Amino acid sequence: MAKIKWRMTDGPLEASVIEAVEKRLGVIFPEDYKACVRLHNGGYPRPDSFGGEDGDSMVFNNLISFTSSYLNMGMFVEEFKEDRILPFARDPFGGHICFDYRHTEQNPTVVFWDHEEGEDFLEPVCETFTALLEQLSSSEDTADFEDDDEESFEAADAGEAVESESPQDPAVPMNNAGSCGEAIIVQVDQHGSSGGIPDDSFEITFDSISAEEIEGFETRHGFTLLEDYKAFLLARNGGKKALRRFETKDKKITTSIMMFLPLLNGNEGKNLEEYYRKFIAGRLAPDHLLPIGTDPRNSLICMAVHGPERGQIFFGDLEYLEEERGLRPSRITPVADSFKEFYNSLFKSE
C-alpha cells in the first residue's frame, strides 16, 4: 500500500476514549479503524480520493474527531440508535462516510451518505475500512502527492474536482439574512457578473464580532491587522463566498478559498485564533503569515501581518508541509498585493 500522509490531527487517542464512545453507541469499532484513529484522530488524509461502486470519484476530507467540542463521534448516539448508520468521516460538502451496522454488530461495511440526495441515500463504497484506505492510496493523485521534488504545481484540476456549489455544509451554521450586516467592501469582479450571483453574496457566515474582539486578538499576538481586512471581519467574520475562485500571480495555481476563517468561534474550531496557534505559534508557517482561509484541500490562504510584505496575500500549499521544517518557502506563492485586491478578484469557475 502506498503511503498515506495524515495532516492536522487532533493528537493521539487513548484506547479508553475510543472504548467509552463504543459503550455509548453500543457497538464495536473495526480494529483497523481503531488503529488508525488512535494515531490520526480528526486527521486529513493525502491522497484523499476514493470511488464508489459506480466509479464516481469522492473525497475523504477528514476523520470525525473523538475530541472536538464542535463535532465528535459521541454526538451521533441518538441518530445511530435509530438507523444504525454511523458517520466516521466527512467529505468537503456535508456528506459523510459511514459504517453500516444494520446487519452486523462488529463488522460493518463502508457506505457514503450524500446529504443533497436525502436521508435515505446510501451508496456502497467497500467492505472494510482497510479497503477504503487502499482506495485512497491507489488514487490518481498519489503520484503528485509523493513527488516532493517537483517544483511546479497546478491546482486547478484538484480544485474543480472537490469544489461544490452546495449552499450549506451541515457542520457549519448558516447565516440569517443580514445578521452580520452589509459588507463594506464593494465587489468589482473582473470576470463579470458570474452568472447572476450577487456581487457580495455569501453562502455561509458566522456570528458577528466587535472591534474590541479584533483589538484583543491583535494585542495577544503583537501585530495590527490591515484596515481592509478588519472591515471585512466586522462585516462578515469570515464565511463561504459565492465567488471564490482565484489564481496566483504566476498563473500556475488556480483554486478556491472555500472558507474565510472566522475570528474566534465557529467552523468546527477552524478559526483565526486556532490557526495562529497551530501554524504560527507552532512554527509550521513563517511567523509573518497569518492564515485567513482554506482551499478545498485545506491548504492556506495567508496574509502577511508584518515585515516588508505586510498586507500581501499568499497561497501556502500544505501538500508539502513537513512536520520538522514546516511549510516550504518554495510552496508559498504570491496571490495579491492587498486583501481588498484579493477579495475583489474572486470569480466563479466557468
Protein backbone atom coordinates (compact mmCIF):
# COMPACT_ATOMS: atom_id res chain seq x y z
CA MET A 1 0.00 0.00 0.00
CA ALA A 2 1.32 3.44 -0.92
CA LYS A 3 1.91 5.88 1.89
CA ILE A 4 -0.98 7.96 3.23
CA LYS A 5 0.01 11.16 5.00
CA TRP A 6 -2.30 12.45 7.72
CA ARG A 7 -2.31 16.19 8.45
CA MET A 8 -3.85 18.49 11.05
CA THR A 9 -4.77 15.73 13.51
CA ASP A 10 -6.21 16.42 16.96
CA GLY A 11 -3.49 14.36 18.60
CA PRO A 12 -3.23 10.67 19.55
CA LEU A 13 -6.09 8.97 21.41
CA GLU A 14 -6.04 6.77 24.47
CA ALA A 15 -7.78 3.44 23.91
CA SER A 16 -10.10 4.32 26.80
CA VAL A 17 -11.54 7.29 24.86
CA ILE A 18 -12.48 5.04 21.96
CA GLU A 19 -13.90 2.39 24.30
CA ALA A 20 -16.09 4.98 26.03
CA VAL A 21 -17.64 6.01 22.70
CA GLU A 22 -18.15 2.36 21.74
CA LYS A 23 -20.01 1.85 25.00
CA ARG A 24 -22.23 4.89 24.44
CA LEU A 25 -23.08 3.72 20.92
CA GLY A 26 -23.35 0.05 21.83
CA VAL A 27 -21.01 -1.10 19.03
CA ILE A 28 -17.55 -2.47 18.46
CA PHE A 29 -15.48 -0.42 16.02
CA PRO A 30 -13.40 -2.34 13.45
CA GLU A 31 -9.86 -2.92 14.68
CA ASP A 32 -8.27 -1.36 11.57
CA TYR A 33 -10.30 1.83 12.13
CA LYS A 34 -9.35 1.98 15.82
CA ALA A 35 -5.68 1.56 14.98
CA CYS A 36 -5.96 4.50 12.57
CA VAL A 37 -7.86 6.92 14.80
CA ARG A 38 -5.59 6.24 17.78
CA LEU A 39 -2.82 7.91 15.77
CA HIS A 40 -4.72 10.24 13.41
CA ASN A 41 -7.78 11.43 15.35
CA GLY A 42 -9.59 14.08 13.27
CA GLY A 43 -6.88 13.99 10.60
CA TYR A 44 -6.96 14.87 6.90
CA PRO A 45 -5.50 12.19 4.59
CA ARG A 46 -3.42 12.76 1.48
CA PRO A 47 -4.18 11.31 -1.04
CA ASP A 48 -7.90 11.77 -0.39
CA SER A 49 -9.81 10.45 -3.43
CA PHE A 50 -11.86 7.26 -3.45
CA GLY A 51 -14.57 5.79 -5.66
CA GLY A 52 -17.97 4.25 -5.09
CA GLU A 53 -19.37 1.26 -6.95
CA ASP A 54 -20.44 3.44 -9.88
CA GLY A 55 -16.85 4.68 -10.37
CA ASP A 56 -17.51 8.30 -9.36
CA SER A 57 -14.61 9.92 -7.52
CA MET A 58 -15.34 11.16 -4.00
CA VAL A 59 -13.24 12.98 -1.40
CA PHE A 60 -12.25 11.82 2.09
CA ASN A 61 -11.90 15.22 3.73
CA ASN A 62 -11.20 14.23 7.34
CA LEU A 63 -11.88 11.73 10.09
CA ILE A 64 -14.55 12.85 12.52
CA SER A 65 -12.71 13.62 15.74
CA PHE A 66 -13.32 11.88 19.05
CA THR A 67 -12.33 15.01 20.98
CA SER A 68 -13.61 18.09 19.09
CA SER A 69 -16.09 20.13 21.10
CA TYR A 70 -17.92 21.14 17.92
CA LEU A 71 -18.42 17.77 16.20
CA ASN A 72 -17.29 14.42 17.55
CA MET A 73 -18.12 10.72 17.29
CA GLY A 74 -20.02 10.74 20.57
CA MET A 75 -22.61 13.14 19.16
CA PHE A 76 -24.21 10.51 16.90
CA VAL A 77 -25.76 8.33 19.62
CA GLU A 78 -29.43 9.17 19.03
CA GLU A 79 -29.20 9.09 15.24
CA PHE A 80 -27.28 5.81 15.32
CA LYS A 81 -29.81 4.12 17.60
CA GLU A 82 -32.48 4.99 15.05
CA ASP A 83 -30.85 3.99 11.75
CA ARG A 84 -27.66 2.01 12.61
CA ILE A 85 -25.60 4.14 10.19
CA LEU A 86 -22.58 5.73 11.90
CA PRO A 87 -20.61 8.59 10.26
CA PHE A 88 -16.85 8.39 10.86
CA ALA A 89 -15.51 10.81 8.21
CA ARG A 90 -16.68 13.74 6.10
CA ASP A 91 -16.34 14.98 2.55
CA PRO A 92 -15.90 18.75 1.94
CA PHE A 93 -19.58 19.30 1.07
CA GLY A 94 -21.54 17.97 4.04
CA GLY A 95 -21.58 14.31 3.03
CA HIS A 96 -20.50 11.56 5.42
CA ILE A 97 -18.52 8.35 5.04
CA CYS A 98 -20.22 5.87 7.36
CA PHE A 99 -20.10 2.43 8.89
CA ASP A 100 -23.23 0.40 8.11
CA TYR A 101 -24.22 -1.61 11.20
CA ARG A 102 -27.71 -2.54 10.01
CA HIS A 103 -26.82 -6.20 9.52
CA THR A 104 -23.91 -6.71 11.90
CA GLU A 105 -22.65 -5.80 15.36
CA GLN A 106 -18.91 -5.54 14.72
CA ASN A 107 -18.05 -5.97 11.02
CA PRO A 108 -19.70 -3.00 9.29
CA THR A 109 -19.30 -2.19 5.62
CA VAL A 110 -18.45 1.34 4.44
CA VAL A 111 -21.14 3.45 2.78
CA PHE A 112 -21.39 7.08 1.66
CA TRP A 113 -24.28 9.38 2.60
CA ASP A 114 -24.84 12.41 0.35
CA HIS A 115 -26.94 14.97 2.21
CA GLU A 116 -28.07 16.53 -1.09
CA GLU A 117 -29.71 13.23 -2.09
CA GLY A 118 -31.77 12.90 1.09
CA GLU A 119 -31.67 10.97 4.35
CA ASP A 120 -32.21 7.58 2.72
CA PHE A 121 -29.42 7.86 0.13
CA LEU A 122 -26.59 5.45 0.92
CA GLU A 123 -24.01 4.44 -1.68
CA PRO A 124 -21.89 1.31 -1.02
CA VAL A 125 -18.16 2.07 -1.02
CA CYS A 126 -16.27 -1.04 0.16
CA GLU A 127 -16.34 -3.92 2.62
CA THR A 128 -13.81 -2.67 5.21
CA PHE A 129 -12.03 0.43 6.49
CA THR A 130 -8.73 -1.00 5.25
CA ALA A 131 -10.22 -1.33 1.76
CA LEU A 132 -11.16 2.36 1.91
CA LEU A 133 -7.58 3.31 2.79
CA GLU A 134 -6.35 1.15 -0.08
CA GLN A 135 -8.59 3.13 -2.44
CA LEU A 136 -7.06 6.37 -1.13
CA SER A 137 -3.50 5.12 -1.51
CA SER A 138 -4.11 3.95 -5.08
CA SER A 139 -5.94 7.10 -6.22
CA GLU A 140 -4.71 9.09 -9.21
CA ASP A 141 -3.32 11.93 -7.10
CA THR A 142 -0.81 9.62 -5.37
CA ALA A 143 1.95 10.44 -7.86
CA ASP A 144 1.61 14.19 -7.33
CA PHE A 145 1.44 13.68 -3.58
CA GLU A 146 4.68 11.71 -3.42
CA ASP A 147 6.63 13.85 -5.88
CA ASP A 148 8.16 16.27 -3.38
CA ASP A 149 10.87 17.39 -5.79
CA GLU A 150 8.54 18.71 -8.50
CA GLU A 151 8.56 22.50 -8.14
CA SER A 152 5.61 23.40 -10.38
CA PHE A 153 2.13 22.55 -9.06
CA GLU A 154 -1.13 23.07 -10.96
CA ALA A 155 -4.04 23.03 -8.54
CA ALA A 156 -6.82 23.97 -10.97
CA ASP A 157 -7.94 20.40 -11.68
CA ALA A 158 -7.78 19.49 -7.99
CA GLY A 159 -9.89 22.49 -7.08
CA GLU A 160 -12.51 21.67 -9.70
CA ALA A 161 -12.69 18.07 -8.56
CA VAL A 162 -13.63 18.86 -4.99
CA GLU A 163 -15.32 22.25 -5.17
CA SER A 164 -19.07 22.24 -4.64
CA GLU A 165 -21.80 24.76 -5.30
CA SER A 166 -23.83 23.25 -2.45
CA PRO A 167 -25.24 26.14 -0.39
CA GLN A 168 -24.71 24.56 3.01
CA ASP A 169 -22.34 22.34 4.93
CA PRO A 170 -24.45 20.92 7.78
CA ALA A 171 -21.43 21.11 10.09
CA VAL A 172 -21.33 24.91 9.74
CA PRO A 173 -24.20 27.18 10.80
CA MET A 174 -25.92 29.17 8.08
CA ASN A 175 -26.25 32.91 8.49
CA ASN A 176 -29.63 34.53 8.93
CA ALA A 177 -30.17 37.17 6.27
CA GLY A 178 -28.50 40.40 7.28
CA SER A 179 -27.30 39.13 10.66
CA CYS A 180 -23.75 40.26 10.02
CA GLY A 181 -24.69 43.49 8.26
CA GLU A 182 -23.88 44.58 4.75
CA ALA A 183 -20.31 44.01 3.63
CA ILE A 184 -18.46 47.26 3.29
CA ILE A 185 -16.06 46.07 0.61
CA VAL A 186 -17.51 46.59 -2.85
CA GLN A 187 -17.10 43.68 -5.23
CA VAL A 188 -15.56 44.66 -8.55
CA ASP A 189 -15.29 41.40 -10.42
CA GLN A 190 -13.04 41.49 -13.47
CA HIS A 191 -14.77 38.38 -14.76
CA GLY A 192 -18.22 39.95 -14.98
CA SER A 193 -21.44 39.14 -13.20
CA SER A 194 -20.62 35.42 -12.84
CA GLY A 195 -23.98 34.01 -13.79
CA GLY A 196 -26.14 36.46 -11.88
CA ILE A 197 -24.69 35.75 -8.42
CA PRO A 198 -25.00 38.94 -6.33
CA ASP A 199 -21.74 40.83 -6.10
CA ASP A 200 -21.31 40.26 -2.36
CA SER A 201 -23.25 37.04 -1.89
CA PHE A 202 -22.18 34.69 0.93
CA GLU A 203 -23.45 31.15 1.32
CA ILE A 204 -22.22 30.83 4.92
CA THR A 205 -21.27 33.43 7.52
CA PHE A 206 -20.68 33.34 11.27
CA ASP A 207 -21.85 35.30 14.30
CA SER A 208 -20.81 38.93 14.21
CA ILE A 209 -17.87 40.22 16.26
CA SER A 210 -16.86 43.56 17.73
CA ALA A 211 -13.94 45.89 17.13
CA GLU A 212 -12.86 45.14 20.74
CA GLU A 213 -12.57 41.43 19.94
CA ILE A 214 -10.36 42.21 16.96
CA GLU A 215 -8.22 44.52 19.10
CA GLY A 216 -7.89 41.75 21.69
CA PHE A 217 -6.68 39.33 19.01
CA GLU A 218 -4.12 41.90 17.81
CA THR A 219 -2.90 42.61 21.35
CA ARG A 220 -2.49 38.92 22.19
CA HIS A 221 -0.32 38.29 19.16
CA GLY A 222 1.55 41.55 18.79
CA PHE A 223 0.53 42.79 15.34
CA THR A 224 -2.09 45.03 13.76
CA LEU A 225 -4.37 43.75 11.02
CA LEU A 226 -4.86 45.78 7.86
CA GLU A 227 -7.88 48.08 7.81
CA ASP A 228 -9.50 46.48 4.76
CA TYR A 229 -9.33 43.05 6.39
CA LYS A 230 -10.63 44.34 9.73
CA ALA A 231 -13.57 45.92 7.89
CA PHE A 232 -14.31 42.53 6.34
CA LEU A 233 -14.19 40.77 9.73
CA LEU A 234 -16.58 43.30 11.23
CA ALA A 235 -18.97 42.90 8.30
CA ARG A 236 -18.83 39.12 7.84
CA ASN A 237 -16.49 37.47 10.36
CA GLY A 238 -15.38 35.01 7.70
CA GLY A 239 -17.59 32.63 5.75
CA LYS A 240 -18.06 30.97 2.39
CA LYS A 241 -18.39 33.35 -0.53
CA ALA A 242 -20.34 32.51 -3.68
CA LEU A 243 -17.47 33.90 -5.78
CA ARG A 244 -14.36 32.11 -4.52
CA ARG A 245 -12.00 31.06 -7.35
CA PHE A 246 -8.62 32.77 -7.59
CA GLU A 247 -5.25 32.30 -9.20
CA THR A 248 -1.72 33.03 -8.02
CA LYS A 249 0.24 35.87 -9.57
CA ASP A 250 2.39 33.48 -11.59
CA LYS A 251 -0.80 31.85 -13.02
CA LYS A 252 0.48 28.38 -12.07
CA ILE A 253 -2.17 27.68 -9.42
CA THR A 254 -5.90 28.17 -9.68
CA THR A 255 -8.01 27.11 -6.71
CA SER A 256 -10.74 28.46 -4.41
CA ILE A 257 -11.00 29.98 -0.96
CA MET A 258 -13.65 27.64 0.37
CA MET A 259 -13.83 29.32 3.76
CA PHE A 260 -12.65 32.66 5.15
CA LEU A 261 -11.75 31.83 8.75
CA PRO A 262 -13.86 33.46 11.48
CA LEU A 263 -12.03 35.28 14.25
CA LEU A 264 -12.71 33.14 17.32
CA ASN A 265 -15.63 30.71 17.10
CA GLY A 266 -17.47 28.50 14.62
CA ASN A 267 -16.26 26.46 11.65
CA GLU A 268 -15.59 23.37 13.80
CA GLY A 269 -12.76 25.07 15.67
CA LYS A 270 -11.04 26.24 12.49
CA ASN A 271 -10.68 29.97 13.14
CA LEU A 272 -8.02 32.67 13.17
CA GLU A 273 -7.12 32.07 16.81
CA GLU A 274 -6.65 28.32 16.37
CA TYR A 275 -4.79 28.64 13.07
CA TYR A 276 -2.46 31.21 14.61
CA ARG A 277 -1.75 28.74 17.42
CA LYS A 278 -1.25 25.80 15.07
CA PHE A 279 0.71 27.37 12.23
CA ILE A 280 2.47 30.46 13.59
CA ALA A 281 2.96 29.67 17.29
CA GLY A 282 3.51 26.05 16.25
CA ARG A 283 6.20 27.18 13.77
CA LEU A 284 4.67 25.36 10.82
CA ALA A 285 4.44 28.58 8.78
CA PRO A 286 6.60 31.73 8.65
CA ASP A 287 5.72 33.95 11.60
CA HIS A 288 4.75 36.91 9.41
CA LEU A 289 1.97 34.96 7.63
CA LEU A 290 -1.47 34.69 9.24
CA PRO A 291 -3.75 32.02 7.71
CA ILE A 292 -7.08 33.71 6.87
CA GLY A 293 -8.73 30.98 4.79
CA THR A 294 -8.53 27.47 3.38
CA ASP A 295 -8.92 25.98 -0.08
CA PRO A 296 -10.78 22.74 -0.99
CA ARG A 297 -7.78 20.61 0.03
CA ASN A 298 -7.24 22.60 3.23
CA SER A 299 -4.16 24.46 2.00
CA LEU A 300 -3.84 28.00 3.32
CA ILE A 301 -4.61 31.48 2.08
CA CYS A 302 -2.44 33.77 4.22
CA MET A 303 -1.94 37.47 4.86
CA ALA A 304 1.42 38.97 5.79
CA VAL A 305 0.82 40.85 9.05
CA HIS A 306 4.24 42.44 9.47
CA GLY A 307 7.50 42.97 7.60
CA PRO A 308 8.08 44.35 4.10
CA GLU A 309 5.27 42.18 2.65
CA ARG A 310 2.68 43.37 5.17
CA GLY A 311 -0.84 43.27 3.74
CA GLN A 312 0.00 40.98 0.82
CA ILE A 313 -1.89 37.71 0.26
CA PHE A 314 -0.15 34.35 -0.31
CA PHE A 315 -1.12 30.75 -1.06
CA GLY A 316 0.56 28.14 1.14
CA ASP A 317 0.42 24.62 -0.31
CA LEU A 318 0.04 22.21 2.62
CA GLU A 319 0.62 19.20 0.38
CA TYR A 320 4.27 19.89 1.15
CA LEU A 321 4.04 20.64 4.86
CA GLU A 322 6.90 18.99 6.75
CA GLU A 323 6.44 18.40 10.48
CA GLU A 324 10.04 19.29 11.37
CA ARG A 325 10.65 22.12 8.89
CA GLY A 326 7.10 23.37 8.37
CA LEU A 327 5.75 24.86 5.16
CA ARG A 328 8.39 25.08 2.45
CA PRO A 329 9.16 28.66 1.32
CA SER A 330 9.10 27.41 -2.29
CA ARG A 331 5.44 26.43 -1.78
CA ILE A 332 4.36 29.89 -0.63
CA THR A 333 3.12 31.74 -3.72
CA PRO A 334 2.07 35.43 -4.01
CA VAL A 335 -1.59 35.99 -4.86
CA ALA A 336 -2.41 39.70 -4.39
CA ASP A 337 -0.92 42.92 -3.03
CA SER A 338 -3.76 43.53 -0.57
CA PHE A 339 -6.82 41.86 0.91
CA LYS A 340 -9.11 44.22 -1.00
CA GLU A 341 -7.41 43.31 -4.29
CA PHE A 342 -7.72 39.60 -3.47
CA TYR A 343 -11.38 39.88 -2.41
CA ASN A 344 -12.34 41.87 -5.47
CA SER A 345 -10.61 39.45 -7.86
CA LEU A 346 -12.53 36.35 -6.74
CA PHE A 347 -14.55 34.79 -9.53
CA LYS A 348 -16.83 31.86 -10.28
CA SER A 349 -15.48 28.91 -12.26
CA GLU A 350 -16.84 28.56 -15.77
